[in-house]
Amino acid sequence: MENEKDKFTIAARLKSFKYAFNGLKHFFVVEHNARIHLVAAAFAIGLSFYLNISSLEWIAILAVIVVVFVAEIFNSCMEKLSDVVSPEVNPQIKIVKDMAAAAVLMAAILALAVGAIIFLPKLF
């Protein structure tokens, strides 16, 4: 039997959005790298408007922007969770943190490659 807490309600769904927006706010206010990515994203979006890129190019640019943000959010989560689980220096936790940072690096490299493929021919 379904308990009261498990029932679907619009109010509960809207509340879940509130939590997500709180997470985004925290991400952009507290995380320095988030603001760096935000500036890069704003630059890419501005350049996209200036160069009047195609719909498919917009999809690619917006997709890689989101991929970088998602990777950075997960990296930040891993950092915070790791610090709670093991506040002292721990070689295993260092590997986890390094791998999470590597995911952000890979996403950023992808974003740079997509940006280069789309923007460089239009600029030169």
Protein backbone atom coordinates (compact mmCIF):
# COMPACT_ATOMS: atom_id res chain seq x y z
CA MET A 1 0.00 0.00 0.00
CA GLU A 2 1.26 3.45 -0.95
CA ASN A 3 1.99 5.66 2.02
CA GLU A 4 1.08 9.37 2.09
CA LYS A 5 4.70 10.45 1.62
CA ASP A 6 5.04 8.46 -1.63
CA LYS A 7 1.97 9.93 -3.36
CA PHE A 8 2.47 12.08 -6.42
CA THR A 9 1.53 15.71 -5.89
CA ILE A 10 2.19 18.80 -7.96
CA ALA A 11 3.30 20.62 -4.80
CA ALA A 12 5.94 17.97 -4.09
CA ARG A 13 7.20 18.12 -7.69
CA LEU A 14 7.43 21.93 -7.52
CA LYS A 15 9.31 21.64 -4.23
CA SER A 16 11.87 19.38 -5.93
CA PHE A 17 12.54 22.17 -8.44
CA LYS A 18 13.18 24.50 -5.52
CA TYR A 19 15.88 22.13 -4.25
CA ALA A 20 17.45 21.97 -7.72
CA PHE A 21 17.50 25.76 -8.05
CA ASN A 22 19.00 26.02 -4.55
CA GLY A 23 21.76 23.69 -5.74
CA LEU A 24 22.39 25.80 -8.83
CA LYS A 25 22.48 28.98 -6.73
CA HIS A 26 24.98 27.40 -4.36
CA PHE A 27 27.05 26.16 -7.30
CA PHE A 28 27.36 29.59 -8.92
CA VAL A 29 27.80 31.54 -5.67
CA VAL A 30 30.31 29.25 -3.93
CA GLU A 31 32.24 27.42 -6.63
CA HIS A 32 34.92 29.55 -8.31
CA ASN A 33 35.20 27.25 -11.32
CA ALA A 34 31.46 27.59 -11.92
CA ARG A 35 31.90 31.29 -12.52
CA ILE A 36 34.82 30.67 -14.88
CA HIS A 37 32.67 28.24 -16.87
CA LEU A 38 29.81 30.75 -16.82
CA VAL A 39 32.02 33.44 -18.36
CA ALA A 40 33.24 30.98 -21.01
CA ALA A 41 29.64 29.93 -21.74
CA ALA A 42 28.52 33.57 -22.05
CA PHE A 43 31.40 34.22 -24.45
CA ALA A 44 30.50 31.17 -26.56
CA ILE A 45 26.82 32.15 -26.65
CA GLY A 46 27.67 35.74 -27.56
CA LEU A 47 29.99 34.56 -30.33
CA SER A 48 27.28 32.19 -31.54
CA PHE A 49 24.83 35.07 -31.90
CA TYR A 50 27.47 37.27 -33.56
CA LEU A 51 28.38 34.58 -36.09
CA ASN A 52 24.74 33.60 -36.68
CA ILE A 53 25.44 29.88 -36.35
CA SER A 54 23.01 27.24 -37.61
CA SER A 55 20.44 25.38 -35.52
CA LEU A 56 22.59 22.25 -35.40
CA GLU A 57 25.61 24.29 -34.37
CA TRP A 58 23.53 25.88 -31.58
CA ILE A 59 22.57 22.39 -30.40
CA ALA A 60 26.24 21.38 -30.29
CA ILE A 61 27.34 24.56 -28.47
CA LEU A 62 24.54 24.39 -25.89
CA ALA A 63 25.08 20.66 -25.39
CA VAL A 64 28.79 21.00 -24.62
CA ILE A 65 28.12 23.97 -22.32
CA VAL A 66 25.67 21.85 -20.34
CA VAL A 67 28.05 18.87 -20.32
CA VAL A 68 30.80 21.05 -18.80
CA PHE A 69 28.42 22.41 -16.14
CA VAL A 70 27.13 18.93 -15.29
CA ALA A 71 30.68 17.59 -14.99
CA GLU A 72 31.67 20.51 -12.78
CA ILE A 73 28.59 20.07 -10.58
CA PHE A 74 29.37 16.36 -10.12
CA ASN A 75 33.02 17.21 -9.44
CA SER A 76 31.96 19.71 -6.76
CA CYS A 77 29.64 17.12 -5.23
CA MET A 78 32.42 14.52 -5.15
CA GLU A 79 34.77 17.04 -3.51
CA LYS A 80 32.27 17.96 -0.80
CA LEU A 81 31.19 14.38 -0.13
CA SER A 82 34.80 13.19 -0.04
CA ASP A 83 35.67 15.88 2.50
CA VAL A 84 32.82 14.70 4.74
CA VAL A 85 33.67 11.01 4.39
CA SER A 86 37.39 11.53 4.92
CA PRO A 87 38.38 14.96 6.30
CA GLU A 88 41.99 13.80 6.70
CA VAL A 89 44.31 13.24 3.75
CA ASN A 90 43.50 9.89 2.18
CA PRO A 91 45.22 8.53 -0.94
CA GLN A 92 42.04 6.76 -2.11
CA ILE A 93 39.97 9.93 -1.73
CA LYS A 94 42.66 11.83 -3.67
CA ILE A 95 42.19 9.40 -6.57
CA VAL A 96 38.42 9.95 -6.48
CA LYS A 97 38.87 13.73 -6.48
CA ASP A 98 41.46 13.59 -9.27
CA MET A 99 39.21 11.42 -11.43
CA ALA A 100 36.25 13.75 -10.90
CA ALA A 101 38.46 16.67 -11.93
CA ALA A 102 39.58 14.66 -14.97
CA ALA A 103 35.92 14.34 -16.01
CA VAL A 104 35.64 18.13 -16.01
CA LEU A 105 38.86 18.38 -18.01
CA MET A 106 37.54 15.94 -20.62
CA ALA A 107 34.27 17.88 -20.90
CA ALA A 108 36.16 21.16 -21.27
CA ILE A 109 38.40 19.67 -23.98
CA LEU A 110 35.29 18.48 -25.83
CA ALA A 111 33.77 21.96 -25.52
CA LEU A 112 36.94 23.57 -26.87
CA ALA A 113 37.05 21.12 -29.79
CA VAL A 114 33.40 21.72 -30.70
CA GLY A 115 33.92 25.46 -30.38
CA ALA A 116 36.98 25.31 -32.62
CA ILE A 117 35.16 23.23 -35.26
CA ILE A 118 32.24 25.66 -35.33
CA PHE A 119 33.88 29.04 -34.76
CA LEU A 120 37.30 28.91 -36.41
CA PRO A 121 36.09 28.46 -40.01
CA LYS A 122 33.65 31.35 -39.53
CA LEU A 123 36.28 33.61 -37.97
CA PHE A 124 39.07 32.92 -40.48
